[in-house]
PDB file of N, CA and C in Angstrom:
ATOM      1  N   UNK A   1       0.924  13.864  18.965  1.00  0.00           N
ATOM      2  CA  UNK A   1       0.999  14.398  17.615  1.00  0.00           C
ATOM      3  C   UNK A   1       2.190  13.776  16.880  1.00  0.00           C
ATOM      4  N   UNK A   2       1.980  13.422  15.624  1.00  0.00           N
ATOM      5  CA  UNK A   2       3.035  12.780  14.841  1.00  0.00           C
ATOM      6  C   UNK A   2       4.121  13.769  14.453  1.00  0.00           C
ATOM      7  N   UNK A   3       5.355  13.280  14.515  1.00  0.00           N
ATOM      8  CA  UNK A   3       6.470  14.087  14.033  1.00  0.00           C
ATOM      9  C   UNK A   3       6.494  13.986  12.512  1.00  0.00           C
ATOM     10  N   UNK A   4       6.990  15.034  11.837  1.00  0.00           N
ATOM     11  CA  UNK A   4       7.118  14.918  10.383  1.00  0.00           C
ATOM     12  C   UNK A   4       8.138  13.830  10.040  1.00  0.00           C
ATOM     13  N   UNK A   5       7.923  13.158   8.945  1.00  0.00           N
ATOM     14  CA  UNK A   5       8.813  12.068   8.546  1.00  0.00           C
ATOM     15  C   UNK A   5      10.199  12.615   8.190  1.00  0.00           C
ATOM     16  N   UNK A   6      11.218  11.854   8.552  1.00  0.00           N
ATOM     17  CA  UNK A   6      12.589  12.248   8.225  1.00  0.00           C
ATOM     18  C   UNK A   6      12.851  11.966   6.747  1.00  0.00           C
ATOM     19  N   UNK A   7      13.963  12.518   6.241  1.00  0.00           N
ATOM     20  CA  UNK A   7      14.331  12.259   4.844  1.00  0.00           C
ATOM     21  C   UNK A   7      14.489  10.764   4.598  1.00  0.00           C
ATOM     22  N   UNK A   8      15.074  10.091   5.578  1.00  0.00           N
ATOM     23  CA  UNK A   8      15.310   8.650   5.436  1.00  0.00           C
ATOM     24  C   UNK A   8      13.977   7.894   5.360  1.00  0.00           C
ATOM     25  N   UNK A   9      13.028   8.264   6.236  1.00  0.00           N
ATOM     26  CA  UNK A   9      11.716   7.614   6.213  1.00  0.00           C
ATOM     27  C   UNK A   9      11.034   7.832   4.860  1.00  0.00           C
ATOM     28  N   UNK A  10      11.112   9.039   4.343  1.00  0.00           N
ATOM     29  CA  UNK A  10      10.488   9.332   3.051  1.00  0.00           C
ATOM     30  C   UNK A  10      11.128   8.518   1.934  1.00  0.00           C
ATOM     31  N   UNK A  11      12.459   8.440   1.962  1.00  0.00           N
ATOM     32  CA  UNK A  11      13.193   7.695   0.939  1.00  0.00           C
ATOM     33  C   UNK A  11      12.861   6.197   1.003  1.00  0.00           C
ATOM     34  N   UNK A  12      12.869   5.647   2.214  1.00  0.00           N
ATOM     35  CA  UNK A  12      12.544   4.230   2.400  1.00  0.00           C
ATOM     36  C   UNK A  12      11.087   3.978   1.981  1.00  0.00           C
ATOM     37  N   UNK A  13      10.189   4.886   2.357  1.00  0.00           N
ATOM     38  CA  UNK A  13       8.780   4.753   1.988  1.00  0.00           C
ATOM     39  C   UNK A  13       8.575   4.709   0.494  1.00  0.00           C
ATOM     40  N   UNK A  14       9.273   5.577  -0.226  1.00  0.00           N
ATOM     41  CA  UNK A  14       9.158   5.600  -1.701  1.00  0.00           C
ATOM     42  C   UNK A  14       9.681   4.302  -2.306  1.00  0.00           C
ATOM     43  N   UNK A  15      10.800   3.811  -1.778  1.00  0.00           N
ATOM     44  CA  UNK A  15      11.378   2.558  -2.284  1.00  0.00           C
ATOM     45  C   UNK A  15      10.424   1.387  -2.042  1.00  0.00           C
ATOM     46  N   UNK A  16       9.858   1.325  -0.827  1.00  0.00           N
ATOM     47  CA  UNK A  16       8.924   0.250  -0.505  1.00  0.00           C
ATOM     48  C   UNK A  16       7.664   0.354  -1.358  1.00  0.00           C
ATOM     49  N   UNK A  17       7.200   1.582  -1.608  1.00  0.00           N
ATOM     50  CA  UNK A  17       6.019   1.773  -2.440  1.00  0.00           C
ATOM     51  C   UNK A  17       6.255   1.200  -3.840  1.00  0.00           C
ATOM     52  N   UNK A  18       7.420   1.489  -4.403  1.00  0.00           N
ATOM     53  CA  UNK A  18       7.769   0.998  -5.742  1.00  0.00           C
ATOM     54  C   UNK A  18       7.818  -0.537  -5.747  1.00  0.00           C
ATOM     55  N   UNK A  19       8.485  -1.108  -4.754  1.00  0.00           N
ATOM     56  CA  UNK A  19       8.647  -2.564  -4.709  1.00  0.00           C
ATOM     57  C   UNK A  19       7.318  -3.279  -4.444  1.00  0.00           C
ATOM     58  N   UNK A  20       6.516  -2.743  -3.528  1.00  0.00           N
ATOM     59  CA  UNK A  20       5.217  -3.367  -3.240  1.00  0.00           C
ATOM     60  C   UNK A  20       4.269  -3.257  -4.425  1.00  0.00           C
ATOM     61  N   UNK A  21       4.324  -2.133  -5.124  1.00  0.00           N
ATOM     62  CA  UNK A  21       3.488  -1.972  -6.318  1.00  0.00           C
ATOM     63  C   UNK A  21       3.837  -3.050  -7.342  1.00  0.00           C
ATOM     64  N   UNK A  22       5.121  -3.327  -7.477  1.00  0.00           N
ATOM     65  CA  UNK A  22       5.586  -4.352  -8.416  1.00  0.00           C
ATOM     66  C   UNK A  22       5.104  -5.744  -7.981  1.00  0.00           C
ATOM     67  N   UNK A  23       5.179  -6.038  -6.689  1.00  0.00           N
ATOM     68  CA  UNK A  23       4.728  -7.333  -6.171  1.00  0.00           C
ATOM     69  C   UNK A  23       3.232  -7.505  -6.424  1.00  0.00           C
ATOM     70  N   UNK A  24       2.455  -6.476  -6.093  1.00  0.00           N
ATOM     71  CA  UNK A  24       0.997  -6.562  -6.247  1.00  0.00           C
ATOM     72  C   UNK A  24       0.614  -6.628  -7.726  1.00  0.00           C
ATOM     73  N   UNK A  25       1.300  -5.842  -8.554  1.00  0.00           N
ATOM     74  CA  UNK A  25       1.019  -5.885  -9.996  1.00  0.00           C
ATOM     75  C   UNK A  25       1.307  -7.280 -10.550  1.00  0.00           C
ATOM     76  N   UNK A  26       2.367  -7.899 -10.051  1.00  0.00           N
ATOM     77  CA  UNK A  26       2.743  -9.234 -10.495  1.00  0.00           C
ATOM     78  C   UNK A  26       1.710 -10.307 -10.148  1.00  0.00           C
ATOM     79  N   UNK A  27       0.910 -10.065  -9.123  1.00  0.00           N
ATOM     80  CA  UNK A  27      -0.131 -11.020  -8.732  1.00  0.00           C
ATOM     81  C   UNK A  27      -1.270 -11.040  -9.751  1.00  0.00           C
ATOM     82  N   UNK A  28      -1.483  -9.916 -10.410  1.00  0.00           N
ATOM     83  CA  UNK A  28      -2.566  -9.822 -11.393  1.00  0.00           C
ATOM     84  C   UNK A  28      -3.898  -9.525 -10.734  1.00  0.00           C
ATOM     85  N   UNK A  29      -4.816  -8.997 -11.534  1.00  0.00           N
ATOM     86  CA  UNK A  29      -6.128  -8.606 -11.013  1.00  0.00           C
ATOM     87  C   UNK A  29      -6.941  -9.809 -10.537  1.00  0.00           C
ATOM     88  N   UNK A  30      -6.685 -10.977 -11.106  1.00  0.00           N
ATOM     89  CA  UNK A  30      -7.442 -12.173 -10.721  1.00  0.00           C
ATOM     90  C   UNK A  30      -7.236 -12.509  -9.243  1.00  0.00           C
ATOM     91  N   UNK A  31      -6.051 -12.200  -8.710  1.00  0.00           N
ATOM     92  CA  UNK A  31      -5.764 -12.461  -7.296  1.00  0.00           C
ATOM     93  C   UNK A  31      -6.600 -11.592  -6.374  1.00  0.00           C
ATOM     94  N   UNK A  32      -7.106 -10.481  -6.918  1.00  0.00           N
ATOM     95  CA  UNK A  32      -7.847  -9.514  -6.102  1.00  0.00           C
ATOM     96  C   UNK A  32      -9.294  -9.398  -6.552  1.00  0.00           C
ATOM     97  N   UNK A  33      -9.899 -10.533  -6.893  1.00  0.00           N
ATOM     98  CA  UNK A  33     -11.329 -10.560  -7.237  1.00  0.00           C
ATOM     99  C   UNK A  33     -11.624  -9.639  -8.427  1.00  0.00           C
ATOM    100  N   UNK A  34     -10.666  -9.493  -9.339  1.00  0.00           N
ATOM    101  CA  UNK A  34     -10.865  -8.686 -10.535  1.00  0.00           C
ATOM    102  C   UNK A  34     -10.711  -7.192 -10.308  1.00  0.00           C
ATOM    103  N   UNK A  35     -10.282  -6.787  -9.127  1.00  0.00           N
ATOM    104  CA  UNK A  35     -10.122  -5.361  -8.836  1.00  0.00           C
ATOM    105  C   UNK A  35      -8.696  -4.914  -9.163  1.00  0.00           C
ATOM    106  N   UNK A  36      -8.567  -3.636  -9.469  1.00  0.00           N
ATOM    107  CA  UNK A  36      -7.253  -3.055  -9.713  1.00  0.00           C
ATOM    108  C   UNK A  36      -6.763  -2.435  -8.400  1.00  0.00           C
ATOM    109  N   UNK A  37      -5.584  -2.850  -7.956  1.00  0.00           N
ATOM    110  CA  UNK A  37      -5.036  -2.382  -6.684  1.00  0.00           C
ATOM    111  C   UNK A  37      -3.800  -1.533  -6.971  1.00  0.00           C
ATOM    112  N   UNK A  38      -3.783  -0.311  -6.423  1.00  0.00           N
ATOM    113  CA  UNK A  38      -2.667   0.603  -6.611  1.00  0.00           C
ATOM    114  C   UNK A  38      -2.112   1.000  -5.245  1.00  0.00           C
ATOM    115  N   UNK A  39      -0.796   0.898  -5.093  1.00  0.00           N
ATOM    116  CA  UNK A  39      -0.158   1.348  -3.854  1.00  0.00           C
ATOM    117  C   UNK A  39       0.028   2.855  -3.982  1.00  0.00           C
ATOM    118  N   UNK A  40      -0.754   3.614  -3.218  1.00  0.00           N
ATOM    119  CA  UNK A  40      -0.715   5.068  -3.365  1.00  0.00           C
ATOM    120  C   UNK A  40       0.328   5.732  -2.475  1.00  0.00           C
ATOM    121  N   UNK A  41       0.634   5.111  -1.334  1.00  0.00           N
ATOM    122  CA  UNK A  41       1.620   5.706  -0.422  1.00  0.00           C
ATOM    123  C   UNK A  41       2.077   4.659   0.587  1.00  0.00           C
ATOM    124  N   UNK A  42       3.307   4.793   1.045  1.00  0.00           N
ATOM    125  CA  UNK A  42       3.818   3.963   2.132  1.00  0.00           C
ATOM    126  C   UNK A  42       4.441   4.892   3.169  1.00  0.00           C
ATOM    127  N   UNK A  43       3.931   4.821   4.392  1.00  0.00           N
ATOM    128  CA  UNK A  43       4.493   5.599   5.501  1.00  0.00           C
ATOM    129  C   UNK A  43       5.206   4.626   6.416  1.00  0.00           C
ATOM    130  N   UNK A  44       6.457   4.925   6.727  1.00  0.00           N
ATOM    131  CA  UNK A  44       7.259   4.002   7.529  1.00  0.00           C
ATOM    132  C   UNK A  44       7.515   4.610   8.910  1.00  0.00           C
ATOM    133  N   UNK A  45       7.509   3.755   9.934  1.00  0.00           N
ATOM    134  CA  UNK A  45       7.741   4.220  11.306  1.00  0.00           C
ATOM    135  C   UNK A  45       9.194   4.697  11.442  1.00  0.00           C
ATOM    136  N   UNK A  46       9.463   5.554  12.439  1.00  0.00           N
ATOM    137  CA  UNK A  46      10.834   6.073  12.615  1.00  0.00           C
ATOM    138  C   UNK A  46      11.893   4.978  12.759  1.00  0.00           C
ATOM    139  N   UNK A  47      11.536   3.841  13.376  1.00  0.00           N
ATOM    140  CA  UNK A  47      12.520   2.763  13.524  1.00  0.00           C
ATOM    141  C   UNK A  47      12.512   1.798  12.331  1.00  0.00           C
ATOM    142  N   UNK A  48      11.742   2.120  11.299  1.00  0.00           N
ATOM    143  CA  UNK A  48      11.650   1.357  10.045  1.00  0.00           C
ATOM    144  C   UNK A  48      11.103  -0.061  10.231  1.00  0.00           C
ATOM    145  N   UNK A  49      10.383  -0.297  11.321  1.00  0.00           N
ATOM    146  CA  UNK A  49       9.897  -1.659  11.580  1.00  0.00           C
ATOM    147  C   UNK A  49       8.464  -1.885  11.110  1.00  0.00           C
ATOM    148  N   UNK A  50       7.711  -0.802  10.898  1.00  0.00           N
ATOM    149  CA  UNK A  50       6.315  -0.941  10.468  1.00  0.00           C
ATOM    150  C   UNK A  50       6.069  -0.032   9.275  1.00  0.00           C
ATOM    151  N   UNK A  51       5.486  -0.606   8.229  1.00  0.00           N
ATOM    152  CA  UNK A  51       5.137   0.176   7.043  1.00  0.00           C
ATOM    153  C   UNK A  51       3.621   0.202   6.903  1.00  0.00           C
ATOM    154  N   UNK A  52       3.056   1.405   6.896  1.00  0.00           N
ATOM    155  CA  UNK A  52       1.635   1.571   6.633  1.00  0.00           C
ATOM    156  C   UNK A  52       1.491   1.717   5.123  1.00  0.00           C
ATOM    157  N   UNK A  53       0.841   0.730   4.512  1.00  0.00           N
ATOM    158  CA  UNK A  53       0.709   0.701   3.059  1.00  0.00           C
ATOM    159  C   UNK A  53      -0.702   1.144   2.693  1.00  0.00           C
ATOM    160  N   UNK A  54      -0.797   2.275   2.006  1.00  0.00           N
ATOM    161  CA  UNK A  54      -2.098   2.802   1.590  1.00  0.00           C
ATOM    162  C   UNK A  54      -2.363   2.360   0.161  1.00  0.00           C
ATOM    163  N   UNK A  55      -3.506   1.703  -0.045  1.00  0.00           N
ATOM    164  CA  UNK A  55      -3.858   1.211  -1.373  1.00  0.00           C
ATOM    165  C   UNK A  55      -5.194   1.805  -1.810  1.00  0.00           C
ATOM    166  N   UNK A  56      -5.282   2.086  -3.106  1.00  0.00           N
ATOM    167  CA  UNK A  56      -6.572   2.482  -3.662  1.00  0.00           C
ATOM    168  C   UNK A  56      -7.045   1.311  -4.521  1.00  0.00           C
ATOM    169  N   UNK A  57      -8.336   1.094  -4.498  1.00  0.00           N
ATOM    170  CA  UNK A  57      -8.928  -0.086  -5.139  1.00  0.00           C
ATOM    171  C   UNK A  57     -10.022   0.368  -6.089  1.00  0.00           C
ATOM    172  N   UNK A  58      -9.964  -0.155  -7.315  1.00  0.00           N
ATOM    173  CA  UNK A  58     -10.996   0.146  -8.308  1.00  0.00           C
ATOM    174  C   UNK A  58     -11.527  -1.157  -8.864  1.00  0.00           C
ATOM    175  N   UNK A  59     -12.807  -1.388  -8.908  1.00  0.00           N
ATOM    176  CA  UNK A  59     -13.875  -0.520  -8.420  1.00  0.00           C
ATOM    177  C   UNK A  59     -13.949  -0.556  -6.890  1.00  0.00           C
ATOM    178  N   UNK A  60     -14.371   0.560  -6.307  1.00  0.00           N
ATOM    179  CA  UNK A  60     -14.371   0.680  -4.848  1.00  0.00           C
ATOM    180  C   UNK A  60     -15.371  -0.262  -4.187  1.00  0.00           C
ATOM    181  N   UNK A  61     -16.317  -0.796  -4.958  1.00  0.00           N
ATOM    182  CA  UNK A  61     -17.286  -1.749  -4.405  1.00  0.00           C
ATOM    183  C   UNK A  61     -16.593  -3.026  -3.916  1.00  0.00           C
ATOM    184  N   UNK A  62     -15.421  -3.330  -4.468  1.00  0.00           N
ATOM    185  CA  UNK A  62     -14.692  -4.550  -4.089  1.00  0.00           C
ATOM    186  C   UNK A  62     -13.657  -4.292  -3.000  1.00  0.00           C
ATOM    187  N   UNK A  63     -13.639  -3.077  -2.463  1.00  0.00           N
ATOM    188  CA  UNK A  63     -12.600  -2.679  -1.513  1.00  0.00           C
ATOM    189  C   UNK A  63     -12.540  -3.593  -0.293  1.00  0.00           C
ATOM    190  N   UNK A  64     -13.693  -3.926   0.277  1.00  0.00           N
ATOM    191  CA  UNK A  64     -13.708  -4.743   1.494  1.00  0.00           C
ATOM    192  C   UNK A  64     -13.094  -6.118   1.246  1.00  0.00           C
ATOM    193  N   UNK A  65     -13.480  -6.751   0.141  1.00  0.00           N
ATOM    194  CA  UNK A  65     -12.953  -8.081  -0.185  1.00  0.00           C
ATOM    195  C   UNK A  65     -11.447  -8.025  -0.451  1.00  0.00           C
ATOM    196  N   UNK A  66     -11.017  -7.005  -1.163  1.00  0.00           N
ATOM    197  CA  UNK A  66      -9.593  -6.874  -1.491  1.00  0.00           C
ATOM    198  C   UNK A  66      -8.767  -6.592  -0.237  1.00  0.00           C
ATOM    199  N   UNK A  67      -9.275  -5.751   0.663  1.00  0.00           N
ATOM    200  CA  UNK A  67      -8.552  -5.467   1.904  1.00  0.00           C
ATOM    201  C   UNK A  67      -8.378  -6.744   2.729  1.00  0.00           C
ATOM    202  N   UNK A  68      -9.381  -7.600   2.701  1.00  0.00           N
ATOM    203  CA  UNK A  68      -9.310  -8.881   3.413  1.00  0.00           C
ATOM    204  C   UNK A  68      -8.206  -9.752   2.794  1.00  0.00           C
ATOM    205  N   UNK A  69      -8.161  -9.804   1.463  1.00  0.00           N
ATOM    206  CA  UNK A  69      -7.137 -10.585   0.754  1.00  0.00           C
ATOM    207  C   UNK A  69      -5.740 -10.043   1.101  1.00  0.00           C
ATOM    208  N   UNK A  70      -5.585  -8.723   1.073  1.00  0.00           N
ATOM    209  CA  UNK A  70      -4.281  -8.117   1.385  1.00  0.00           C
ATOM    210  C   UNK A  70      -3.857  -8.443   2.814  1.00  0.00           C
ATOM    211  N   UNK A  71      -4.806  -8.336   3.747  1.00  0.00           N
ATOM    212  CA  UNK A  71      -4.500  -8.628   5.147  1.00  0.00           C
ATOM    213  C   UNK A  71      -4.079 -10.071   5.358  1.00  0.00           C
ATOM    214  N   UNK A  72      -4.797 -10.989   4.703  1.00  0.00           N
ATOM    215  CA  UNK A  72      -4.490 -12.418   4.860  1.00  0.00           C
ATOM    216  C   UNK A  72      -3.142 -12.787   4.247  1.00  0.00           C
ATOM    217  N   UNK A  73      -2.719 -12.048   3.235  1.00  0.00           N
ATOM    218  CA  UNK A  73      -1.480 -12.379   2.531  1.00  0.00           C
ATOM    219  C   UNK A  73      -0.313 -11.458   2.868  1.00  0.00           C
ATOM    220  N   UNK A  74      -0.465 -10.621   3.885  1.00  0.00           N
ATOM    221  CA  UNK A  74       0.590  -9.638   4.179  1.00  0.00           C
ATOM    222  C   UNK A  74       1.925 -10.309   4.512  1.00  0.00           C
ATOM    223  N   UNK A  75       1.874 -11.471   5.147  1.00  0.00           N
ATOM    224  CA  UNK A  75       3.130 -12.174   5.478  1.00  0.00           C
ATOM    225  C   UNK A  75       3.867 -12.625   4.225  1.00  0.00           C
ATOM    226  N   UNK A  76       3.135 -13.140   3.242  1.00  0.00           N
ATOM    227  CA  UNK A  76       3.806 -13.584   2.014  1.00  0.00           C
ATOM    228  C   UNK A  76       4.339 -12.383   1.221  1.00  0.00           C
ATOM    229  N   UNK A  77       3.591 -11.250   1.242  1.00  0.00           N
ATOM    230  CA  UNK A  77       4.090 -10.040   0.574  1.00  0.00           C
ATOM    231  C   UNK A  77       5.359  -9.553   1.267  1.00  0.00           C
ATOM    232  N   UNK A  78       5.370  -9.647   2.596  1.00  0.00           N
ATOM    233  CA  UNK A  78       6.547  -9.233   3.358  1.00  0.00           C
ATOM    234  C   UNK A  78       7.743 -10.117   2.991  1.00  0.00           C
ATOM    235  N   UNK A  79       7.492 -11.419   2.815  1.00  0.00           N
ATOM    236  CA  UNK A  79       8.554 -12.338   2.416  1.00  0.00           C
ATOM    237  C   UNK A  79       9.116 -11.999   1.047  1.00  0.00           C
ATOM    238  N   UNK A  80       8.211 -11.714   0.089  1.00  0.00           N
ATOM    239  CA  UNK A  80       8.656 -11.337  -1.256  1.00  0.00           C
ATOM    240  C   UNK A  80       9.430 -10.025  -1.212  1.00  0.00           C
ATOM    241  N   UNK A  81       8.937  -9.094  -0.407  1.00  0.00           N
ATOM    242  CA  UNK A  81       9.608  -7.810  -0.261  1.00  0.00           C
ATOM    243  C   UNK A  81      11.004  -8.019   0.317  1.00  0.00           C
ATOM    244  N   UNK A  82      11.113  -8.937   1.263  1.00  0.00           N
ATOM    245  CA  UNK A  82      12.406  -9.251   1.875  1.00  0.00           C
ATOM    246  C   UNK A  82      13.436  -9.706   0.863  1.00  0.00           C
ATOM    247  N   UNK A  83      12.993 -10.500  -0.132  1.00  0.00           N
ATOM    248  CA  UNK A  83      13.923 -10.959  -1.166  1.00  0.00           C
ATOM    249  C   UNK A  83      14.410  -9.793  -2.019  1.00  0.00           C
ATOM    250  N   UNK A  84      13.529  -8.811  -2.237  1.00  0.00           N
ATOM    251  CA  UNK A  84      13.885  -7.666  -3.080  1.00  0.00           C
ATOM    252  C   UNK A  84      14.803  -6.690  -2.345  1.00  0.00           C
ATOM    253  N   UNK A  85      14.493  -6.397  -1.081  1.00  0.00           N
ATOM    254  CA  UNK A  85      15.225  -5.341  -0.362  1.00  0.00           C
ATOM    255  C   UNK A  85      16.311  -5.856   0.570  1.00  0.00           C
ATOM    256  N   UNK A  86      16.565  -7.157   0.561  1.00  0.00           N
ATOM    257  CA  UNK A  86      17.511  -7.760   1.512  1.00  0.00           C
ATOM    258  C   UNK A  86      18.886  -7.085   1.493  1.00  0.00           C
ATOM    259  N   UNK A  87      19.348  -6.679   0.341  1.00  0.00           N
ATOM    260  CA  UNK A  87      20.678  -6.077   0.233  1.00  0.00           C
ATOM    261  C   UNK A  87      20.689  -4.620   0.727  1.00  0.00           C
ATOM    262  N   UNK A  88      19.506  -3.984   0.763  1.00  0.00           N
ATOM    263  CA  UNK A  88      19.445  -2.563   1.111  1.00  0.00           C
ATOM    264  C   UNK A  88      19.077  -2.302   2.567  1.00  0.00           C
ATOM    265  N   UNK A  89      18.265  -3.189   3.169  1.00  0.00           N
ATOM    266  CA  UNK A  89      17.753  -2.947   4.514  1.00  0.00           C
ATOM    267  C   UNK A  89      18.067  -4.112   5.436  1.00  0.00           C
ATOM    268  N   UNK A  90      18.326  -3.782   6.704  1.00  0.00           N
ATOM    269  CA  UNK A  90      18.600  -4.836   7.695  1.00  0.00           C
ATOM    270  C   UNK A  90      17.340  -5.590   8.073  1.00  0.00           C
ATOM    271  N   UNK A  91      16.238  -4.837   8.264  1.00  0.00           N
ATOM    272  CA  UNK A  91      14.993  -5.498   8.645  1.00  0.00           C
ATOM    273  C   UNK A  91      13.939  -5.239   7.586  1.00  0.00           C
ATOM    274  N   UNK A  92      13.057  -6.204   7.427  1.00  0.00           N
ATOM    275  CA  UNK A  92      11.924  -6.038   6.516  1.00  0.00           C
ATOM    276  C   UNK A  92      10.755  -5.590   7.386  1.00  0.00           C
ATOM    277  N   UNK A  93      10.174  -4.434   7.093  1.00  0.00           N
ATOM    278  CA  UNK A  93       9.111  -3.923   7.967  1.00  0.00           C
ATOM    279  C   UNK A  93       7.839  -4.767   7.927  1.00  0.00           C
ATOM    280  N   UNK A  94       7.125  -4.736   9.024  1.00  0.00           N
ATOM    281  CA  UNK A  94       5.799  -5.347   9.112  1.00  0.00           C
ATOM    282  C   UNK A  94       4.874  -4.521   8.208  1.00  0.00           C
ATOM    283  N   UNK A  95       4.050  -5.183   7.406  1.00  0.00           N
ATOM    284  CA  UNK A  95       3.164  -4.471   6.484  1.00  0.00           C
ATOM    285  C   UNK A  95       1.756  -4.395   7.059  1.00  0.00           C
ATOM    286  N   UNK A  96       1.218  -3.184   7.119  1.00  0.00           N
ATOM    287  CA  UNK A  96      -0.151  -2.970   7.572  1.00  0.00           C
ATOM    288  C   UNK A  96      -0.871  -2.224   6.450  1.00  0.00           C
ATOM    289  N   UNK A  97      -1.928  -2.827   5.927  1.00  0.00           N
ATOM    290  CA  UNK A  97      -2.620  -2.240   4.780  1.00  0.00           C
ATOM    291  C   UNK A  97      -3.789  -1.365   5.217  1.00  0.00           C
ATOM    292  N   UNK A  98      -3.896  -0.207   4.566  1.00  0.00           N
ATOM    293  CA  UNK A  98      -4.997   0.731   4.806  1.00  0.00           C
ATOM    294  C   UNK A  98      -5.609   1.111   3.464  1.00  0.00           C
ATOM    295  N   UNK A  99      -6.898   1.341   3.487  1.00  0.00           N
ATOM    296  CA  UNK A  99      -7.591   1.767   2.284  1.00  0.00           C
ATOM    297  C   UNK A  99      -7.411   3.265   2.105  1.00  0.00           C
ATOM    298  N   UNK A 100      -6.926   3.666   0.950  1.00  0.00           N
ATOM    299  CA  UNK A 100      -6.782   5.093   0.622  1.00  0.00           C
ATOM    300  C   UNK A 100      -8.059   5.501  -0.102  1.00  0.00           C
ATOM    301  N   UNK A 101      -8.875   6.258   0.565  1.00  0.00           N
ATOM    302  CA  UNK A 101     -10.171   6.624  -0.009  1.00  0.00           C
ATOM    303  C   UNK A 101     -10.139   7.988  -0.695  1.00  0.00           C
ATOM    304  N   UNK A 102      -8.958   8.522  -0.965  1.00  0.00           N
ATOM    305  CA  UNK A 102      -8.871   9.851  -1.573  1.00  0.00           C
ATOM    306  C   UNK A 102      -9.476   9.873  -2.974  1.00  0.00           C
ATOM    307  N   UNK A 103      -9.377   8.757  -3.720  1.00  0.00           N
ATOM    308  CA  UNK A 103     -10.003   8.709  -5.041  1.00  0.00           C
ATOM    309  C   UNK A 103     -11.514   8.766  -4.925  1.00  0.00           C
ATOM    310  N   UNK A 104     -12.067   8.032  -3.963  1.00  0.00           N
ATOM    311  CA  UNK A 104     -13.512   8.069  -3.736  1.00  0.00           C
ATOM    312  C   UNK A 104     -13.953   9.467  -3.339  1.00  0.00           C
ATOM    313  N   UNK A 105     -13.143  10.099  -2.505  1.00  0.00           N
ATOM    314  CA  UNK A 105     -13.452  11.446  -2.038  1.00  0.00           C
ATOM    315  C   UNK A 105     -13.454  12.420  -3.223  1.00  0.00           C
ATOM    316  N   UNK A 106     -12.446  12.315  -4.079  1.00  0.00           N
ATOM    317  CA  UNK A 106     -12.356  13.184  -5.251  1.00  0.00           C
ATOM    318  C   UNK A 106     -13.549  12.948  -6.175  1.00  0.00           C
ATOM    319  N   UNK A 107     -13.924  11.693  -6.340  1.00  0.00           N
ATOM    320  CA  UNK A 107     -15.079  11.339  -7.167  1.00  0.00           C
ATOM    321  C   UNK A 107     -16.361  11.946  -6.577  1.00  0.00           C
ATOM    322  N   UNK A 108     -16.490  11.870  -5.265  1.00  0.00           N
ATOM    323  CA  UNK A 108     -17.656  12.405  -4.569  1.00  0.00           C
ATOM    324  C   UNK A 108     -17.736  13.926  -4.761  1.00  0.00           C
ATOM    325  N   UNK A 109     -16.610  14.611  -4.615  1.00  0.00           N
ATOM    326  CA  UNK A 109     -16.558  16.061  -4.809  1.00  0.00           C
ATOM    327  C   UNK A 109     -16.941  16.396  -6.244  1.00  0.00           C
ATOM    328  N   UNK A 110     -16.413  15.618  -7.179  1.00  0.00           N
ATOM    329  CA  UNK A 110     -16.715  15.818  -8.599  1.00  0.00           C
ATOM    330  C   UNK A 110     -18.220  15.709  -8.855  1.00  0.00           C
ATOM    331  N   UNK A 111     -18.845  14.684  -8.247  1.00  0.00           N
ATOM    332  CA  UNK A 111     -20.297  14.498  -8.385  1.00  0.00           C
ATOM    333  C   UNK A 111     -21.056  15.688  -7.811  1.00  0.00           C
ATOM    334  N   UNK A 112     -20.612  16.180  -6.657  1.00  0.00           N
ATOM    335  CA  UNK A 112     -21.279  17.327  -6.028  1.00  0.00           C
ATOM    336  C   UNK A 112     -21.167  18.584  -6.894  1.00  0.00           C
ATOM    337  N   UNK A 113     -20.007  18.733  -7.545  1.00  0.00           N
ATOM    338  CA  UNK A 113     -19.798  19.927  -8.376  1.00  0.00           C
ATOM    339  C   UNK A 113     -20.636  19.882  -9.660  1.00  0.00           C
ATOM    340  N   UNK A 114     -20.981  18.683 -10.099  1.00  0.00           N
ATOM    341  CA  UNK A 114     -21.790  18.545 -11.319  1.00  0.00           C
ATOM    342  C   UNK A 114     -23.244  18.944 -11.103  1.00  0.00           C
ATOM    343  N   UNK A 115     -23.690  18.930  -9.845  1.00  0.00           N
ATOM    344  CA  UNK A 115     -25.107  19.223  -9.538  1.00  0.00           C
ATOM    345  C   UNK A 115     -25.439  20.680  -9.686  1.00  0.00           C
TER     346      UNK A 115
END
């Protein structure tokens, strides 16, 4: 069972979320097959070496292609992140991207409620 995140993990996660959102926004939608990519949450491991990056993708039909692009480019995103956070953190965490399907879930619930 997972331990609750420490204050430090939460703080680092929020900082990484802000910085990664900026990096991804800077790439533009064209880099992601015309999809809009939003960093919804970043969960960091207790030793700060691995960051689970949750992204939501619109339209969700392009999610698979965008996740592939994110996975293939995670090293370059990590490098860019390193330039931004170098003064604040000793190590730059490994980035692992996950699809945040909470928007799809909310949309699905909304559709069910309309019936």
